[in-house]
Amino acid sequence: MTSALSGIFFRFQIEQKLNKKQTYIFCANHTSNLDILAFCLLARGAYHFMGKEELMKNPVLGIFFRTIDIPVNRESKIGAFKAFKRAADNLDQGMSLIIFPEGRIDNSYPPVLQDFKNGPFRLAIEKGIPVVPVSIQNLWQIMWDDGVKYGSRPGIVDIYVHKPILTNILADQTDENLRDQVYAIINSKL
């Protein structure tokens, strides 16, 4: 793995073992481009990412965002609707969704957890898909954002995977309540 060659290792603490056959919506804080790599190591089975449309310009990530993953134009409500419709279709086919509900990497250093968008939580309740909150605890100290401003260094990245929140029993709960619950859970380990 490329990260190991550069001296970056990932250490996962998992609160409850995840069912390899279950479809999930993974929600995590977003502080580094390496967050994506962390999920490639964590997620099992079929999964896809939802991310900003600008990633299509990246020579490597662009390949995935044109084929498997779902780009989102954050400036277009119609574009966002189409992206979430495609994500819903993928969930129906058993593909887990990995999303960073902040919608971007924070501009401040050290990063502060930003407000979450409602989309993934509305989707989780509508589809009855469990949400897995994930706290990426210190990756920003090893490589913040793309690493250009502060560089990167070797180290161990600590990632806390919280137990899934079952949404099929939350019919009366709003997406805002679920959003706030997931925010608090993620923030509790940062």
Protein backbone atom coordinates (compact mmCIF):
# COMPACT_ATOMS: atom_id res chain seq x y z
CA MET A 1 0.00 0.00 0.00
CA THR A 2 1.32 3.43 -0.93
CA SER A 3 0.57 4.96 2.48
CA ALA A 4 2.68 2.30 4.26
CA LEU A 5 5.59 3.05 1.93
CA SER A 6 5.36 6.70 3.00
CA GLY A 7 5.19 5.76 6.68
CA ILE A 8 1.47 6.43 7.16
CA PHE A 9 -0.45 3.64 8.87
CA PHE A 10 -4.13 3.39 9.81
CA ARG A 11 -5.30 2.08 13.20
CA PHE A 12 -9.04 1.36 13.48
CA GLN A 13 -10.91 1.07 16.75
CA ILE A 14 -14.27 -0.52 15.98
CA GLU A 15 -17.00 -0.19 18.61
CA GLN A 16 -19.14 -2.96 17.13
CA LYS A 17 -18.22 -5.44 14.42
CA LEU A 18 -19.89 -4.53 11.12
CA ASN A 19 -21.86 -7.09 9.13
CA LYS A 20 -20.03 -7.63 5.83
CA LYS A 21 -23.33 -8.36 4.08
CA GLN A 22 -25.12 -5.23 5.39
CA THR A 23 -25.46 -2.05 3.34
CA TYR A 24 -24.40 1.04 5.32
CA ILE A 25 -24.13 4.78 4.98
CA PHE A 26 -20.73 5.71 6.41
CA CYS A 27 -20.48 9.33 7.61
CA ALA A 28 -17.16 10.83 8.71
CA ASN A 29 -15.47 14.12 9.36
CA HIS A 30 -13.27 15.30 6.49
CA THR A 31 -9.80 16.77 7.07
CA SER A 32 -7.52 15.24 4.45
CA ASN A 33 -7.47 13.77 0.97
CA LEU A 34 -6.26 10.59 2.69
CA ASP A 35 -9.71 10.19 4.30
CA ILE A 36 -10.71 8.41 1.09
CA LEU A 37 -7.85 5.92 1.46
CA ALA A 38 -8.92 5.22 5.05
CA PHE A 39 -12.35 4.15 3.82
CA CYS A 40 -10.88 1.96 1.12
CA LEU A 41 -9.27 0.05 3.97
CA LEU A 42 -12.36 0.08 6.21
CA ALA A 43 -15.31 -0.60 3.92
CA ARG A 44 -16.06 -4.14 2.82
CA GLY A 45 -18.07 -5.39 -0.11
CA ALA A 46 -19.56 -3.06 -2.68
CA TYR A 47 -19.38 0.64 -1.83
CA HIS A 48 -19.18 4.01 -3.49
CA PHE A 49 -18.24 7.55 -2.51
CA MET A 50 -20.16 10.74 -2.98
CA GLY A 51 -17.96 13.80 -3.34
CA LYS A 52 -17.55 17.21 -4.86
CA GLU A 53 -17.64 17.44 -8.63
CA GLU A 54 -14.20 19.07 -8.68
CA LEU A 55 -12.68 15.64 -7.91
CA MET A 56 -13.40 14.66 -11.51
CA LYS A 57 -10.48 16.91 -12.51
CA ASN A 58 -8.06 14.84 -10.40
CA PRO A 59 -6.20 12.45 -12.73
CA VAL A 60 -6.61 9.44 -10.40
CA LEU A 61 -9.83 10.13 -8.51
CA GLY A 62 -11.48 11.39 -11.68
CA ILE A 63 -11.51 7.88 -13.11
CA PHE A 64 -13.58 6.64 -10.18
CA PHE A 65 -15.89 9.65 -10.12
CA ARG A 66 -16.71 9.13 -13.79
CA THR A 67 -17.49 5.44 -13.29
CA ILE A 68 -18.24 4.10 -9.79
CA ASP A 69 -18.52 7.10 -7.51
CA ILE A 70 -21.00 9.97 -7.55
CA PRO A 71 -19.89 13.56 -8.15
CA VAL A 72 -22.04 16.34 -6.69
CA ASN A 73 -22.29 19.88 -8.00
CA ARG A 74 -22.73 21.66 -4.67
CA GLU A 75 -23.94 24.83 -6.39
CA SER A 76 -26.89 23.13 -8.11
CA LYS A 77 -29.98 21.87 -6.28
CA ILE A 78 -30.95 19.84 -9.35
CA GLY A 79 -27.43 18.37 -9.53
CA ALA A 80 -27.55 17.45 -5.83
CA PHE A 81 -31.00 15.87 -6.28
CA LYS A 82 -29.75 13.75 -9.20
CA ALA A 83 -26.68 12.68 -7.21
CA PHE A 84 -28.78 11.58 -4.24
CA LYS A 85 -31.17 9.77 -6.58
CA ARG A 86 -28.22 7.84 -8.01
CA ALA A 87 -26.97 7.12 -4.46
CA ALA A 88 -30.42 5.81 -3.54
CA ASP A 89 -30.39 3.50 -6.57
CA ASN A 90 -26.93 2.21 -5.58
CA LEU A 91 -28.13 1.61 -2.00
CA ASP A 92 -31.07 -0.38 -3.40
CA GLN A 93 -28.51 -2.56 -5.22
CA GLY A 94 -26.64 -3.21 -1.96
CA MET A 95 -23.79 -0.72 -2.39
CA SER A 96 -22.80 1.07 0.80
CA LEU A 97 -22.40 4.85 0.59
CA ILE A 98 -19.39 6.71 1.97
CA ILE A 99 -19.97 10.41 2.45
CA PHE A 100 -18.41 13.32 4.29
CA PRO A 101 -21.51 15.27 5.39
CA GLU A 102 -19.55 18.50 5.96
CA GLY A 103 -19.33 18.65 2.18
CA ARG A 104 -15.75 19.95 2.25
CA ILE A 105 -12.48 20.11 4.16
CA ASP A 106 -12.50 22.99 6.64
CA ASN A 107 -10.31 25.96 5.71
CA SER A 108 -9.17 26.55 9.30
CA TYR A 109 -6.14 24.87 10.81
CA PRO A 110 -6.52 22.96 13.01
CA PRO A 111 -9.81 21.93 11.42
CA VAL A 112 -13.11 22.33 13.24
CA LEU A 113 -16.06 20.03 12.56
CA GLN A 114 -18.41 21.97 10.26
CA ASP A 115 -22.21 21.74 10.03
CA PHE A 116 -23.53 18.65 8.28
CA LYS A 117 -25.78 18.59 5.23
CA ASN A 118 -29.12 16.75 5.63
CA GLY A 119 -29.05 14.62 2.46
CA PRO A 120 -27.38 11.44 3.72
CA PHE A 121 -29.58 11.35 6.82
CA ARG A 122 -32.79 11.80 4.85
CA LEU A 123 -31.64 8.99 2.56
CA ALA A 124 -30.80 6.73 5.52
CA ILE A 125 -34.27 7.15 7.05
CA GLU A 126 -36.11 6.77 3.72
CA LYS A 127 -34.20 3.59 2.84
CA GLY A 128 -33.91 2.19 6.38
CA ILE A 129 -30.13 1.94 5.98
CA PRO A 130 -27.96 1.99 9.14
CA VAL A 131 -25.62 4.96 9.53
CA VAL A 132 -22.08 4.31 10.71
CA PRO A 133 -20.50 7.43 12.25
CA VAL A 134 -16.70 7.49 11.87
CA SER A 135 -14.33 9.84 13.70
CA ILE A 136 -11.07 10.35 11.83
CA GLN A 137 -9.18 11.61 14.83
CA ASN A 138 -5.71 12.80 13.84
CA LEU A 139 -5.19 12.47 10.11
CA TRP A 140 -5.13 16.26 9.76
CA GLN A 141 -1.92 16.29 11.85
CA ILE A 142 -0.26 13.90 9.39
CA MET A 143 -1.63 15.44 6.19
CA TRP A 144 -4.16 18.27 6.29
CA ASP A 145 -6.22 18.76 3.13
CA ASP A 146 -3.96 17.93 0.16
CA GLY A 147 -0.72 18.39 2.11
CA VAL A 148 0.45 21.36 0.05
CA LYS A 149 0.35 24.02 2.79
CA TYR A 150 1.74 22.05 5.76
CA GLY A 151 3.19 19.01 4.03
CA SER A 152 2.81 15.50 5.34
CA ARG A 153 4.70 13.32 7.76
CA PRO A 154 4.81 9.66 8.73
CA GLY A 155 2.60 8.51 11.56
CA ILE A 156 -0.31 6.42 12.76
CA VAL A 157 -3.80 7.61 11.91
CA ASP A 158 -6.39 6.82 14.58
CA ILE A 159 -9.91 6.17 13.33
CA TYR A 160 -12.83 5.40 15.63
CA VAL A 161 -15.71 3.51 14.02
CA HIS A 162 -18.84 3.97 16.11
CA LYS A 163 -21.61 1.38 16.31
CA PRO A 164 -24.21 1.65 13.55
CA ILE A 165 -27.37 3.66 14.15
CA LEU A 166 -30.35 1.61 12.99
CA THR A 167 -32.63 3.88 10.98
CA ASN A 168 -35.41 1.41 10.21
CA ILE A 169 -36.69 2.08 13.75
CA LEU A 170 -36.48 5.89 13.34
CA ALA A 171 -39.56 6.46 11.18
CA ASP A 172 -40.79 9.26 13.44
CA GLN A 173 -37.35 10.89 13.72
CA THR A 174 -36.44 13.69 11.33
CA ASP A 175 -33.32 13.80 9.24
CA GLU A 176 -32.28 16.87 11.26
CA ASN A 177 -32.42 14.86 14.51
CA LEU A 178 -30.38 12.04 12.99
CA ARG A 179 -27.93 14.57 11.52
CA ASP A 180 -27.44 16.19 14.94
CA GLN A 181 -27.05 12.80 16.63
CA VAL A 182 -24.37 11.68 14.16
CA TYR A 183 -22.59 15.05 14.46
CA ALA A 184 -22.44 14.72 18.26
CA ILE A 185 -21.20 11.12 18.05
CA ILE A 186 -18.41 11.96 15.58
CA ASN A 187 -17.43 15.09 17.51
CA SER A 188 -17.22 13.12 20.78
CA LYS A 189 -14.04 11.38 19.59
CA LEU A 190 -12.29 14.31 17.90
